[in-house]
């Protein structure tokens, strides 16, 4: 298999995890470096495994546009949790002219052959994606998360480490399922909603909601 060049958008902690996943597939990907908001081109930045800085978004896009053939990099979003779910979408929109979005699956993940993963999706170590699951663009399935059969995860959603989503459930666009949370089968989590860490969802969650607890209920009710 020919190794493909990969550029990470972002250089924070989540980007480092993406790098680890890509390097677990060393026969498939070679990490070129990372892009971002600053203009420190050529420096090595980031955490324990510093990355070559490819420039701010504008500089990187211009540089990559001059490449073609096997040198033309694939991109993956290395920005994790954001205060506003639309932030990750806005970052991808800056690269709207780019048509090579990588799908990264850690070598230690299990993905059913019947599941589908859209461009930009990431499945991290120990995660399980079950039969006929549909994973949307730029979704993150974090470490040891389990998505059962027929689960649909809409674009930009994030499923936290150790979370469990039952069969036939739907996770809406830009929603966040917190670390260790559980979602009952055939339930719907609305777009841009947040399910708190360790929560147990047994009923549908409306869009733009924040729920937590066992069973999960609106966070303002918990605060009261």
N, C-alpha and C. Protein backbone atom coordinates (compact mmCIF):
# COMPACT_ATOMS: atom_id res chain seq x y z
N UNK A 1 0.84 -1.20 0.00
CA UNK A 1 0.00 0.00 0.00
C UNK A 1 0.88 1.25 0.00
N UNK A 2 0.54 2.22 -0.83
CA UNK A 2 1.28 3.48 -0.89
C UNK A 2 0.89 4.37 0.29
N UNK A 3 1.88 4.85 1.00
CA UNK A 3 1.59 5.74 2.14
C UNK A 3 1.16 7.10 1.64
N UNK A 4 0.12 7.64 2.26
CA UNK A 4 -0.41 8.93 1.86
C UNK A 4 -0.01 10.01 2.87
N UNK A 5 0.34 11.21 2.39
CA UNK A 5 0.70 12.29 3.31
C UNK A 5 -0.54 12.81 4.03
N UNK A 6 -0.37 13.12 5.32
CA UNK A 6 -1.48 13.57 6.16
C UNK A 6 -1.10 14.85 6.89
N UNK A 7 -1.95 15.86 6.81
CA UNK A 7 -1.77 17.11 7.56
C UNK A 7 -2.88 17.23 8.58
N UNK A 8 -2.53 17.60 9.80
CA UNK A 8 -3.47 17.75 10.90
C UNK A 8 -3.84 19.22 11.05
N UNK A 9 -5.14 19.52 11.12
CA UNK A 9 -5.57 20.89 11.36
C UNK A 9 -5.69 21.07 12.87
N UNK A 10 -4.71 21.76 13.44
CA UNK A 10 -4.64 21.94 14.90
C UNK A 10 -3.40 21.28 15.47
N UNK A 11 -2.99 21.72 16.66
CA UNK A 11 -1.77 21.16 17.25
C UNK A 11 -1.92 20.90 18.75
N UNK A 12 -3.17 20.84 19.25
CA UNK A 12 -3.39 20.63 20.68
C UNK A 12 -3.38 19.16 21.06
N UNK A 13 -3.96 18.87 22.23
CA UNK A 13 -3.95 17.51 22.75
C UNK A 13 -4.69 16.55 21.82
N UNK A 14 -5.84 16.98 21.30
CA UNK A 14 -6.59 16.09 20.42
C UNK A 14 -5.81 15.79 19.15
N UNK A 15 -5.10 16.79 18.65
CA UNK A 15 -4.29 16.56 17.45
C UNK A 15 -3.24 15.48 17.71
N UNK A 16 -2.67 15.48 18.91
CA UNK A 16 -1.67 14.47 19.23
C UNK A 16 -2.27 13.07 19.23
N UNK A 17 -3.53 12.95 19.67
CA UNK A 17 -4.20 11.65 19.65
C UNK A 17 -4.46 11.21 18.21
N UNK A 18 -4.82 12.16 17.36
CA UNK A 18 -5.02 11.84 15.95
C UNK A 18 -3.71 11.35 15.33
N UNK A 19 -2.62 12.01 15.67
CA UNK A 19 -1.31 11.59 15.16
C UNK A 19 -1.01 10.15 15.58
N UNK A 20 -1.29 9.84 16.85
CA UNK A 20 -1.06 8.48 17.34
C UNK A 20 -1.86 7.46 16.53
N UNK A 21 -3.12 7.80 16.24
CA UNK A 21 -3.96 6.89 15.46
C UNK A 21 -3.40 6.71 14.05
N UNK A 22 -2.99 7.81 13.43
CA UNK A 22 -2.43 7.73 12.08
C UNK A 22 -1.15 6.90 12.06
N UNK A 23 -0.31 7.10 13.06
CA UNK A 23 0.95 6.37 13.10
C UNK A 23 0.76 4.89 13.41
N UNK A 24 -0.38 4.53 13.98
CA UNK A 24 -0.67 3.11 14.18
C UNK A 24 -0.93 2.42 12.84
N UNK A 25 -1.20 3.23 11.82
CA UNK A 25 -1.38 2.74 10.45
C UNK A 25 -0.22 3.22 9.59
N UNK A 26 0.99 2.93 10.05
CA UNK A 26 2.19 3.46 9.40
C UNK A 26 2.33 3.01 7.95
N UNK A 27 1.65 1.93 7.59
CA UNK A 27 1.69 1.48 6.20
C UNK A 27 0.76 2.29 5.31
N UNK A 28 -0.10 3.11 5.94
CA UNK A 28 -1.09 3.87 5.19
C UNK A 28 -0.83 5.36 5.20
N UNK A 29 -0.36 5.91 6.35
CA UNK A 29 -0.23 7.36 6.50
C UNK A 29 1.18 7.76 6.91
N UNK A 30 1.61 8.91 6.42
CA UNK A 30 2.81 9.56 6.92
C UNK A 30 2.42 10.99 7.29
N UNK A 31 2.64 11.34 8.56
CA UNK A 31 2.21 12.64 9.08
C UNK A 31 3.20 13.72 8.66
N UNK A 32 2.72 14.70 7.90
CA UNK A 32 3.56 15.80 7.44
C UNK A 32 3.75 16.86 8.52
N UNK A 33 2.68 17.15 9.26
CA UNK A 33 2.74 18.21 10.26
C UNK A 33 1.34 18.72 10.53
N UNK A 34 1.26 19.93 11.09
CA UNK A 34 -0.03 20.48 11.49
C UNK A 34 -0.17 21.92 11.02
N UNK A 35 -1.42 22.35 10.88
CA UNK A 35 -1.72 23.74 10.54
C UNK A 35 -2.47 24.36 11.70
N UNK A 36 -2.69 25.67 11.62
CA UNK A 36 -3.43 26.33 12.70
C UNK A 36 -3.53 27.82 12.51
N UNK A 37 -3.76 28.53 13.61
CA UNK A 37 -4.04 29.95 13.54
C UNK A 37 -2.80 30.82 13.52
N UNK A 38 -1.67 30.30 14.01
CA UNK A 38 -0.45 31.09 14.06
C UNK A 38 0.34 30.96 12.76
N UNK A 39 1.45 31.67 12.69
CA UNK A 39 2.28 31.63 11.48
C UNK A 39 3.71 31.31 11.85
N UNK A 40 3.92 30.14 12.41
CA UNK A 40 5.25 29.74 12.85
C UNK A 40 5.81 28.67 11.93
N UNK A 41 5.68 28.87 10.64
CA UNK A 41 6.03 27.86 9.66
C UNK A 41 7.45 27.34 9.87
N UNK A 42 7.58 26.02 9.86
CA UNK A 42 8.88 25.38 9.97
C UNK A 42 9.25 24.99 11.38
N UNK A 43 8.61 25.60 12.40
CA UNK A 43 8.91 25.23 13.77
C UNK A 43 8.30 23.87 14.10
N UNK A 44 8.80 23.29 15.18
CA UNK A 44 8.19 22.06 15.68
C UNK A 44 7.41 22.44 16.93
N UNK A 45 6.12 22.09 16.92
CA UNK A 45 5.23 22.54 17.99
C UNK A 45 4.45 21.35 18.52
N UNK A 46 3.72 21.60 19.60
CA UNK A 46 2.84 20.57 20.12
C UNK A 46 3.38 19.90 21.36
N UNK A 47 2.92 18.69 21.63
CA UNK A 47 3.19 18.00 22.88
C UNK A 47 4.38 17.09 22.84
N UNK A 48 4.18 15.86 23.29
CA UNK A 48 5.29 14.93 23.47
C UNK A 48 5.95 14.54 22.15
N UNK A 49 5.17 14.57 21.07
CA UNK A 49 5.74 14.29 19.75
C UNK A 49 5.53 15.52 18.89
N UNK A 50 6.45 16.49 18.99
CA UNK A 50 6.27 17.76 18.26
C UNK A 50 6.07 17.55 16.77
N UNK A 51 5.21 18.39 16.19
CA UNK A 51 4.90 18.31 14.77
C UNK A 51 5.51 19.48 14.03
N UNK A 52 5.80 19.27 12.77
CA UNK A 52 6.25 20.37 11.93
C UNK A 52 5.06 21.30 11.70
N UNK A 53 5.27 22.58 11.95
CA UNK A 53 4.22 23.59 11.75
C UNK A 53 4.17 23.96 10.27
N UNK A 54 3.03 23.75 9.66
CA UNK A 54 2.88 23.99 8.23
C UNK A 54 2.36 25.39 7.92
N UNK A 55 2.16 26.19 8.94
CA UNK A 55 1.68 27.55 8.74
C UNK A 55 0.26 27.73 9.23
N UNK A 56 -0.21 28.97 9.25
CA UNK A 56 -1.61 29.21 9.59
C UNK A 56 -2.48 28.67 8.47
N UNK A 57 -3.78 28.71 8.67
CA UNK A 57 -4.68 28.09 7.69
C UNK A 57 -4.50 28.68 6.29
N UNK A 58 -4.43 29.99 6.22
CA UNK A 58 -4.31 30.65 4.92
C UNK A 58 -3.02 30.26 4.21
N UNK A 59 -1.92 30.27 4.95
CA UNK A 59 -0.63 29.92 4.37
C UNK A 59 -0.60 28.46 3.94
N UNK A 60 -1.14 27.60 4.79
CA UNK A 60 -1.12 26.17 4.48
C UNK A 60 -1.96 25.85 3.25
N UNK A 61 -3.13 26.48 3.14
CA UNK A 61 -3.99 26.23 1.99
C UNK A 61 -3.28 26.64 0.69
N UNK A 62 -2.62 27.80 0.72
CA UNK A 62 -1.91 28.27 -0.46
C UNK A 62 -0.76 27.33 -0.82
N UNK A 63 -0.03 26.87 0.19
CA UNK A 63 1.08 25.95 -0.05
C UNK A 63 0.58 24.63 -0.61
N UNK A 64 -0.47 24.08 -0.02
CA UNK A 64 -0.97 22.79 -0.46
C UNK A 64 -1.56 22.85 -1.86
N UNK A 65 -2.09 24.01 -2.23
CA UNK A 65 -2.68 24.15 -3.56
C UNK A 65 -1.63 23.99 -4.66
N UNK A 66 -0.36 24.21 -4.32
CA UNK A 66 0.70 24.06 -5.30
C UNK A 66 1.22 22.64 -5.43
N UNK A 67 0.68 21.73 -4.63
CA UNK A 67 1.11 20.34 -4.68
C UNK A 67 0.12 19.53 -5.50
N UNK A 68 0.59 18.47 -6.09
CA UNK A 68 -0.31 17.59 -6.83
C UNK A 68 0.20 16.16 -6.76
N UNK A 69 -0.58 15.27 -7.33
CA UNK A 69 -0.19 13.86 -7.34
C UNK A 69 -0.04 13.32 -5.93
N UNK A 70 0.93 12.43 -5.73
CA UNK A 70 1.10 11.79 -4.42
C UNK A 70 1.57 12.75 -3.33
N UNK A 71 2.04 13.95 -3.69
CA UNK A 71 2.48 14.92 -2.69
C UNK A 71 1.31 15.69 -2.08
N UNK A 72 0.17 15.63 -2.72
CA UNK A 72 -0.99 16.39 -2.26
C UNK A 72 -1.53 15.76 -0.98
N UNK A 73 -1.52 16.49 0.15
CA UNK A 73 -1.85 15.86 1.43
C UNK A 73 -3.35 15.65 1.63
N UNK A 74 -3.63 14.69 2.47
CA UNK A 74 -4.97 14.49 3.00
C UNK A 74 -5.06 15.26 4.31
N UNK A 75 -6.25 15.71 4.65
CA UNK A 75 -6.44 16.51 5.86
C UNK A 75 -7.33 15.77 6.85
N UNK A 76 -7.12 16.07 8.13
CA UNK A 76 -8.03 15.59 9.17
C UNK A 76 -8.10 16.68 10.24
N UNK A 77 -9.30 16.87 10.77
CA UNK A 77 -9.51 17.89 11.79
C UNK A 77 -8.95 17.41 13.12
N UNK A 78 -7.99 18.18 13.65
CA UNK A 78 -7.36 17.83 14.92
C UNK A 78 -7.82 18.69 16.07
N UNK A 79 -8.95 19.37 15.90
CA UNK A 79 -9.54 20.18 16.95
C UNK A 79 -10.63 19.36 17.62
N UNK A 80 -10.51 19.16 18.92
CA UNK A 80 -11.48 18.35 19.63
C UNK A 80 -12.65 19.17 20.15
N UNK A 81 -12.94 19.04 21.42
CA UNK A 81 -14.07 19.71 22.03
C UNK A 81 -13.93 21.22 21.92
N UNK A 82 -15.00 21.88 21.45
CA UNK A 82 -15.03 23.34 21.33
C UNK A 82 -16.19 23.88 22.15
N UNK A 83 -16.07 25.12 22.61
CA UNK A 83 -17.15 25.71 23.40
C UNK A 83 -18.43 25.82 22.58
N UNK A 84 -18.27 26.14 21.32
CA UNK A 84 -19.40 26.26 20.41
C UNK A 84 -19.28 25.16 19.37
N UNK A 85 -20.29 24.27 19.25
CA UNK A 85 -20.18 23.18 18.28
C UNK A 85 -19.90 23.64 16.85
N UNK A 86 -20.30 24.88 16.54
CA UNK A 86 -20.09 25.37 15.17
C UNK A 86 -18.63 25.72 14.88
N UNK A 87 -17.79 25.80 15.92
CA UNK A 87 -16.40 26.17 15.72
C UNK A 87 -15.68 25.16 14.82
N UNK A 88 -15.91 23.87 15.07
CA UNK A 88 -15.25 22.86 14.26
C UNK A 88 -15.73 22.92 12.81
N UNK A 89 -17.02 23.20 12.62
CA UNK A 89 -17.55 23.35 11.27
C UNK A 89 -16.92 24.55 10.57
N UNK A 90 -16.73 25.65 11.31
CA UNK A 90 -16.15 26.85 10.72
C UNK A 90 -14.71 26.60 10.28
N UNK A 91 -13.98 25.81 11.04
CA UNK A 91 -12.60 25.50 10.67
C UNK A 91 -12.58 24.70 9.37
N UNK A 92 -13.44 23.70 9.27
CA UNK A 92 -13.50 22.90 8.04
C UNK A 92 -13.91 23.77 6.86
N UNK A 93 -14.78 24.74 7.10
CA UNK A 93 -15.26 25.61 6.03
C UNK A 93 -14.11 26.41 5.42
N UNK A 94 -13.09 26.73 6.21
CA UNK A 94 -11.93 27.45 5.66
C UNK A 94 -11.24 26.63 4.58
N UNK A 95 -11.38 25.33 4.67
CA UNK A 95 -10.75 24.43 3.71
C UNK A 95 -11.78 23.89 2.72
N UNK A 96 -12.80 24.69 2.43
CA UNK A 96 -13.93 24.21 1.62
C UNK A 96 -13.51 23.75 0.23
N UNK A 97 -12.43 24.30 -0.29
CA UNK A 97 -12.00 23.92 -1.64
C UNK A 97 -11.21 22.61 -1.64
N UNK A 98 -10.90 22.09 -0.46
CA UNK A 98 -10.08 20.87 -0.38
C UNK A 98 -10.99 19.65 -0.43
N UNK A 99 -10.61 18.66 -1.25
CA UNK A 99 -11.47 17.50 -1.44
C UNK A 99 -10.86 16.20 -0.92
N UNK A 100 -9.75 16.30 -0.21
CA UNK A 100 -9.10 15.10 0.30
C UNK A 100 -9.13 15.10 1.82
N UNK A 101 -10.22 14.60 2.39
CA UNK A 101 -10.36 14.47 3.84
C UNK A 101 -10.12 13.02 4.22
N UNK A 102 -9.21 12.81 5.13
CA UNK A 102 -8.83 11.45 5.53
C UNK A 102 -9.84 10.87 6.51
N UNK A 103 -10.04 9.57 6.42
CA UNK A 103 -10.76 8.81 7.44
C UNK A 103 -9.72 8.01 8.20
N UNK A 104 -9.58 8.29 9.49
CA UNK A 104 -8.52 7.69 10.29
C UNK A 104 -9.13 6.68 11.26
N UNK A 105 -8.66 5.45 11.19
CA UNK A 105 -9.12 4.39 12.10
C UNK A 105 -7.89 3.80 12.78
N UNK A 106 -7.80 3.95 14.09
CA UNK A 106 -6.68 3.38 14.83
C UNK A 106 -6.61 1.87 14.61
N UNK A 107 -5.40 1.36 14.54
CA UNK A 107 -5.23 -0.08 14.32
C UNK A 107 -5.86 -0.91 15.43
N UNK A 108 -6.05 -0.31 16.60
CA UNK A 108 -6.65 -1.03 17.72
C UNK A 108 -8.15 -0.89 17.80
N UNK A 109 -8.78 -0.27 16.82
CA UNK A 109 -10.24 -0.14 16.80
C UNK A 109 -10.85 -1.30 16.00
N UNK A 110 -12.13 -1.54 16.25
CA UNK A 110 -12.87 -2.58 15.51
C UNK A 110 -14.02 -1.90 14.78
N UNK A 111 -14.02 -1.99 13.47
CA UNK A 111 -15.07 -1.40 12.65
C UNK A 111 -15.68 -2.50 11.79
N UNK A 112 -16.98 -2.70 11.91
CA UNK A 112 -17.65 -3.73 11.11
C UNK A 112 -17.49 -3.44 9.62
N UNK A 113 -17.31 -4.47 8.83
CA UNK A 113 -17.22 -4.27 7.37
C UNK A 113 -18.47 -3.63 6.77
N UNK A 114 -19.61 -3.77 7.44
CA UNK A 114 -20.85 -3.20 6.91
C UNK A 114 -21.08 -1.77 7.38
N UNK A 115 -20.25 -1.27 8.30
CA UNK A 115 -20.37 0.12 8.75
C UNK A 115 -19.82 1.06 7.68
N UNK A 116 -20.29 2.30 7.67
CA UNK A 116 -19.78 3.30 6.74
C UNK A 116 -19.21 4.48 7.51
N UNK A 117 -18.05 4.94 7.07
CA UNK A 117 -17.37 6.08 7.70
C UNK A 117 -17.16 7.15 6.64
N UNK A 118 -17.69 8.34 6.89
CA UNK A 118 -17.57 9.44 5.93
C UNK A 118 -16.18 10.06 5.99
N UNK A 119 -15.78 10.78 4.95
CA UNK A 119 -14.50 11.47 4.97
C UNK A 119 -14.38 12.40 6.19
N UNK A 120 -13.21 12.37 6.80
CA UNK A 120 -12.96 13.20 7.97
C UNK A 120 -13.27 12.54 9.29
N UNK A 121 -13.92 11.38 9.26
CA UNK A 121 -14.25 10.67 10.51
C UNK A 121 -13.00 10.08 11.13
N UNK A 122 -13.01 9.99 12.46
CA UNK A 122 -11.88 9.43 13.21
C UNK A 122 -12.41 8.42 14.22
N UNK A 123 -11.81 7.24 14.24
CA UNK A 123 -12.16 6.20 15.21
C UNK A 123 -10.89 5.84 15.96
N UNK A 124 -10.89 6.05 17.26
CA UNK A 124 -9.66 5.94 18.05
C UNK A 124 -9.52 4.56 18.71
N UNK A 125 -8.42 4.39 19.42
CA UNK A 125 -8.01 3.08 19.93
C UNK A 125 -9.08 2.45 20.81
N UNK A 126 -9.35 1.17 20.58
CA UNK A 126 -10.27 0.41 21.41
C UNK A 126 -11.74 0.63 21.12
N UNK A 127 -12.07 1.54 20.22
CA UNK A 127 -13.47 1.80 19.89
C UNK A 127 -14.04 0.66 19.07
N UNK A 128 -15.37 0.49 19.14
CA UNK A 128 -16.07 -0.52 18.37
C UNK A 128 -17.20 0.16 17.61
N UNK A 129 -17.22 -0.02 16.32
CA UNK A 129 -18.30 0.50 15.47
C UNK A 129 -19.00 -0.71 14.87
N UNK A 130 -20.28 -0.89 15.25
CA UNK A 130 -20.99 -2.11 14.95
C UNK A 130 -21.55 -2.19 13.54
N UNK A 131 -22.19 -3.31 13.22
CA UNK A 131 -22.73 -3.53 11.88
C UNK A 131 -23.72 -2.46 11.45
N UNK A 132 -23.59 -2.03 10.24
CA UNK A 132 -24.47 -1.07 9.58
C UNK A 132 -24.54 0.30 10.27
N UNK A 133 -23.61 0.56 11.13
CA UNK A 133 -23.52 1.91 11.71
C UNK A 133 -23.11 2.89 10.62
N UNK A 134 -23.55 4.13 10.76
CA UNK A 134 -23.21 5.18 9.79
C UNK A 134 -22.56 6.35 10.54
N UNK A 135 -21.30 6.59 10.24
CA UNK A 135 -20.52 7.61 10.93
C UNK A 135 -20.30 8.77 9.97
N UNK A 136 -20.78 9.96 10.35
CA UNK A 136 -20.76 11.10 9.45
C UNK A 136 -19.41 11.80 9.37
N UNK A 137 -19.35 12.80 8.51
CA UNK A 137 -18.12 13.55 8.26
C UNK A 137 -17.65 14.25 9.53
N UNK A 138 -16.35 14.14 9.80
CA UNK A 138 -15.69 14.84 10.90
C UNK A 138 -16.22 14.44 12.27
N UNK A 139 -16.79 13.27 12.36
CA UNK A 139 -17.19 12.69 13.64
C UNK A 139 -15.96 12.13 14.34
N UNK A 140 -15.94 12.22 15.67
CA UNK A 140 -14.88 11.59 16.46
C UNK A 140 -15.51 10.51 17.34
N UNK A 141 -15.07 9.28 17.15
CA UNK A 141 -15.44 8.17 18.03
C UNK A 141 -14.23 7.92 18.92
N UNK A 142 -14.31 8.37 20.14
CA UNK A 142 -13.14 8.36 21.01
C UNK A 142 -12.79 6.96 21.53
N UNK A 143 -11.67 6.91 22.25
CA UNK A 143 -11.11 5.65 22.73
C UNK A 143 -12.13 4.83 23.51
N UNK A 144 -12.24 3.55 23.17
CA UNK A 144 -13.06 2.57 23.87
C UNK A 144 -14.56 2.86 23.82
N UNK A 145 -14.99 3.79 22.99
CA UNK A 145 -16.43 4.01 22.80
C UNK A 145 -17.02 2.84 22.01
N UNK A 146 -18.30 2.55 22.26
CA UNK A 146 -18.98 1.46 21.56
C UNK A 146 -20.23 2.01 20.89
N UNK A 147 -20.28 1.85 19.58
CA UNK A 147 -21.47 2.21 18.81
C UNK A 147 -22.05 0.92 18.28
N UNK A 148 -23.24 0.57 18.74
CA UNK A 148 -23.83 -0.71 18.37
C UNK A 148 -24.41 -0.66 16.95
N UNK A 149 -25.06 -1.75 16.55
CA UNK A 149 -25.58 -1.89 15.20
C UNK A 149 -26.55 -0.77 14.83
N UNK A 150 -26.47 -0.33 13.61
CA UNK A 150 -27.42 0.64 13.03
C UNK A 150 -27.40 2.02 13.68
N UNK A 151 -26.42 2.31 14.48
CA UNK A 151 -26.30 3.66 15.03
C UNK A 151 -25.97 4.64 13.91
N UNK A 152 -26.57 5.82 13.96
CA UNK A 152 -26.27 6.88 13.01
C UNK A 152 -25.70 8.06 13.79
N UNK A 153 -24.51 8.47 13.42
CA UNK A 153 -23.87 9.63 14.06
C UNK A 153 -23.71 10.70 12.99
N UNK A 154 -24.40 11.80 13.16
CA UNK A 154 -24.39 12.87 12.17
C UNK A 154 -23.09 13.66 12.21
N UNK A 155 -22.78 14.40 11.13
CA UNK A 155 -21.51 15.11 11.04
C UNK A 155 -21.18 15.96 12.27
N UNK A 156 -19.89 15.99 12.58
CA UNK A 156 -19.30 16.84 13.61
C UNK A 156 -19.64 16.43 15.04
N UNK A 157 -20.41 15.37 15.23
CA UNK A 157 -20.67 14.90 16.58
C UNK A 157 -19.42 14.27 17.18
N UNK A 158 -19.37 14.22 18.51
CA UNK A 158 -18.25 13.60 19.20
C UNK A 158 -18.78 12.63 20.25
N UNK A 159 -18.25 11.41 20.22
CA UNK A 159 -18.63 10.39 21.19
C UNK A 159 -17.43 10.19 22.11
N UNK A 160 -17.61 10.49 23.39
CA UNK A 160 -16.50 10.51 24.33
C UNK A 160 -15.93 9.14 24.66
N UNK A 161 -14.74 9.13 25.27
CA UNK A 161 -14.10 7.87 25.64
C UNK A 161 -15.01 7.02 26.53
N UNK A 162 -15.12 5.75 26.19
CA UNK A 162 -15.88 4.81 27.00
C UNK A 162 -17.38 4.95 26.92
N UNK A 163 -17.90 5.83 26.08
CA UNK A 163 -19.35 5.98 25.94
C UNK A 163 -19.92 4.78 25.20
N UNK A 164 -21.20 4.48 25.48
CA UNK A 164 -21.88 3.36 24.83
C UNK A 164 -23.17 3.88 24.22
N UNK A 165 -23.36 3.61 22.94
CA UNK A 165 -24.57 4.03 22.23
C UNK A 165 -25.26 2.78 21.71
N UNK A 166 -26.51 2.56 22.17
CA UNK A 166 -27.24 1.36 21.83
C UNK A 166 -27.70 1.32 20.39
N UNK A 167 -28.04 0.13 19.92
CA UNK A 167 -28.41 -0.09 18.54
C UNK A 167 -29.54 0.80 18.06
N UNK A 168 -29.42 1.30 16.86
CA UNK A 168 -30.46 2.09 16.24
C UNK A 168 -30.60 3.50 16.76
N UNK A 169 -29.74 3.93 17.65
CA UNK A 169 -29.80 5.30 18.17
C UNK A 169 -29.25 6.28 17.14
N UNK A 170 -29.63 7.55 17.29
CA UNK A 170 -29.16 8.60 16.38
C UNK A 170 -28.54 9.72 17.20
N UNK A 171 -27.32 10.09 16.86
CA UNK A 171 -26.62 11.19 17.51
C UNK A 171 -26.59 12.35 16.52
N UNK A 172 -27.20 13.48 16.88
CA UNK A 172 -27.38 14.58 15.96
C UNK A 172 -26.12 15.36 15.66
N UNK A 173 -26.20 16.19 14.67
CA UNK A 173 -25.08 16.98 14.18
C UNK A 173 -24.49 17.84 15.31
N UNK A 174 -23.18 17.72 15.50
CA UNK A 174 -22.48 18.54 16.48
C UNK A 174 -22.77 18.20 17.92
N UNK A 175 -23.46 17.10 18.20
CA UNK A 175 -23.76 16.71 19.58
C UNK A 175 -22.51 16.13 20.25
N UNK A 176 -22.51 16.16 21.58
CA UNK A 176 -21.40 15.62 22.36
C UNK A 176 -21.95 14.61 23.36
N UNK A 177 -21.42 13.39 23.29
CA UNK A 177 -21.73 12.36 24.27
C UNK A 177 -20.53 12.26 25.21
N UNK A 178 -20.73 12.62 26.47
CA UNK A 178 -19.61 12.73 27.40
C UNK A 178 -18.96 11.39 27.76
N UNK A 179 -17.81 11.51 28.36
CA UNK A 179 -17.00 10.36 28.76
C UNK A 179 -17.84 9.39 29.60
N UNK A 180 -17.88 8.14 29.19
CA UNK A 180 -18.55 7.10 29.96
C UNK A 180 -20.06 7.16 29.97
N UNK A 181 -20.67 8.01 29.16
CA UNK A 181 -22.13 8.10 29.12
C UNK A 181 -22.72 6.93 28.34
N UNK A 182 -24.01 6.66 28.58
CA UNK A 182 -24.70 5.59 27.87
C UNK A 182 -25.99 6.14 27.27
N UNK A 183 -26.27 5.72 26.05
CA UNK A 183 -27.49 6.12 25.36
C UNK A 183 -28.26 4.85 25.01
N UNK A 184 -29.51 4.78 25.47
CA UNK A 184 -30.33 3.60 25.21
C UNK A 184 -30.58 3.42 23.71
N UNK A 185 -30.80 2.17 23.31
CA UNK A 185 -31.05 1.88 21.91
C UNK A 185 -32.28 2.62 21.39
N UNK A 186 -32.23 2.98 20.12
CA UNK A 186 -33.32 3.62 19.39
C UNK A 186 -33.74 4.96 20.01
N UNK A 187 -32.83 5.63 20.65
CA UNK A 187 -33.09 6.96 21.17
C UNK A 187 -32.38 7.98 20.29
N UNK A 188 -32.83 9.23 20.36
CA UNK A 188 -32.29 10.29 19.51
C UNK A 188 -31.70 11.40 20.39
N UNK A 189 -30.48 11.78 20.08
CA UNK A 189 -29.83 12.90 20.74
C UNK A 189 -29.81 14.05 19.74
N UNK A 190 -30.49 15.15 20.06
CA UNK A 190 -30.65 16.24 19.11
C UNK A 190 -29.36 16.95 18.76
N UNK A 191 -29.39 17.65 17.66
CA UNK A 191 -28.22 18.40 17.18
C UNK A 191 -27.72 19.36 18.25
N UNK A 192 -26.39 19.43 18.38
CA UNK A 192 -25.70 20.38 19.26
C UNK A 192 -25.99 20.16 20.75
N UNK A 193 -26.58 19.03 21.09
CA UNK A 193 -26.85 18.73 22.49
C UNK A 193 -25.62 18.17 23.18
N UNK A 194 -25.62 18.24 24.51
CA UNK A 194 -24.53 17.72 25.32
C UNK A 194 -25.10 16.73 26.33
N UNK A 195 -24.52 15.53 26.34
CA UNK A 195 -24.86 14.53 27.35
C UNK A 195 -23.68 14.45 28.31
N UNK A 196 -23.91 14.78 29.56
CA UNK A 196 -22.83 14.88 30.53
C UNK A 196 -22.13 13.56 30.81
N UNK A 197 -20.92 13.67 31.32
CA UNK A 197 -20.09 12.52 31.65
C UNK A 197 -20.82 11.55 32.56
N UNK A 198 -20.81 10.27 32.21
CA UNK A 198 -21.39 9.22 33.04
C UNK A 198 -22.91 9.17 33.05
N UNK A 199 -23.56 9.97 32.24
CA UNK A 199 -25.02 10.01 32.23
C UNK A 199 -25.61 8.78 31.56
N UNK A 200 -26.89 8.52 31.87
CA UNK A 200 -27.61 7.41 31.26
C UNK A 200 -28.86 7.97 30.60
N UNK A 201 -28.88 7.96 29.28
CA UNK A 201 -29.99 8.52 28.51
C UNK A 201 -30.99 7.43 28.18
N UNK A 202 -32.23 7.59 28.65
CA UNK A 202 -33.26 6.59 28.38
C UNK A 202 -34.41 7.16 27.55
N UNK A 203 -34.37 8.47 27.27
CA UNK A 203 -35.40 9.12 26.46
C UNK A 203 -34.73 10.03 25.45
N UNK A 204 -35.48 10.41 24.43
CA UNK A 204 -34.93 11.32 23.42
C UNK A 204 -34.50 12.63 24.06
N UNK A 205 -33.46 13.23 23.49
CA UNK A 205 -32.95 14.53 23.95
C UNK A 205 -33.16 15.54 22.84
N UNK A 206 -33.80 16.65 23.17
CA UNK A 206 -34.11 17.67 22.16
C UNK A 206 -32.85 18.38 21.69
N UNK A 207 -32.87 18.95 20.49
CA UNK A 207 -31.71 19.73 20.02
C UNK A 207 -31.37 20.85 21.00
N UNK A 208 -30.06 21.18 21.05
CA UNK A 208 -29.56 22.30 21.85
C UNK A 208 -29.83 22.13 23.34
N UNK A 209 -29.90 20.88 23.81
CA UNK A 209 -30.14 20.60 25.22
C UNK A 209 -28.84 20.20 25.91
N UNK A 210 -28.84 20.30 27.23
CA UNK A 210 -27.73 19.82 28.06
C UNK A 210 -28.34 18.94 29.15
N UNK A 211 -28.00 17.67 29.14
CA UNK A 211 -28.58 16.74 30.10
C UNK A 211 -27.47 16.01 30.85
N UNK A 212 -27.82 15.53 32.04
CA UNK A 212 -26.86 14.79 32.85
C UNK A 212 -27.62 13.97 33.88
N UNK A 213 -26.95 12.99 34.46
CA UNK A 213 -27.53 12.20 35.53
C UNK A 213 -28.03 10.85 35.09
N UNK A 214 -28.59 10.11 36.08
CA UNK A 214 -29.14 8.78 35.85
C UNK A 214 -30.52 8.69 36.47
N UNK A 215 -31.57 8.70 35.66
CA UNK A 215 -31.54 8.91 34.21
C UNK A 215 -31.23 10.36 33.87
N UNK A 216 -30.79 10.59 32.66
CA UNK A 216 -30.40 11.95 32.26
C UNK A 216 -31.62 12.87 32.24
N UNK A 217 -31.41 14.09 32.72
CA UNK A 217 -32.44 15.12 32.72
C UNK A 217 -31.77 16.46 32.51
N UNK A 218 -32.53 17.50 32.18
CA UNK A 218 -31.90 18.80 31.90
C UNK A 218 -31.01 19.28 33.04
N UNK A 219 -29.87 19.84 32.68
CA UNK A 219 -28.91 20.26 33.70
C UNK A 219 -29.45 21.35 34.59
N UNK A 220 -30.35 22.23 34.09
CA UNK A 220 -30.88 23.27 34.96
C UNK A 220 -31.78 22.67 36.03
N UNK A 221 -32.43 21.53 35.73
CA UNK A 221 -33.23 20.84 36.75
C UNK A 221 -32.34 20.26 37.82
N UNK A 222 -31.15 19.79 37.41
CA UNK A 222 -30.20 19.25 38.39
C UNK A 222 -29.68 20.36 39.28
N UNK A 223 -29.39 21.52 38.68
CA UNK A 223 -28.88 22.66 39.46
C UNK A 223 -29.90 23.13 40.48
N UNK A 224 -31.21 23.04 40.14
CA UNK A 224 -32.25 23.46 41.06
C UNK A 224 -32.31 22.53 42.26
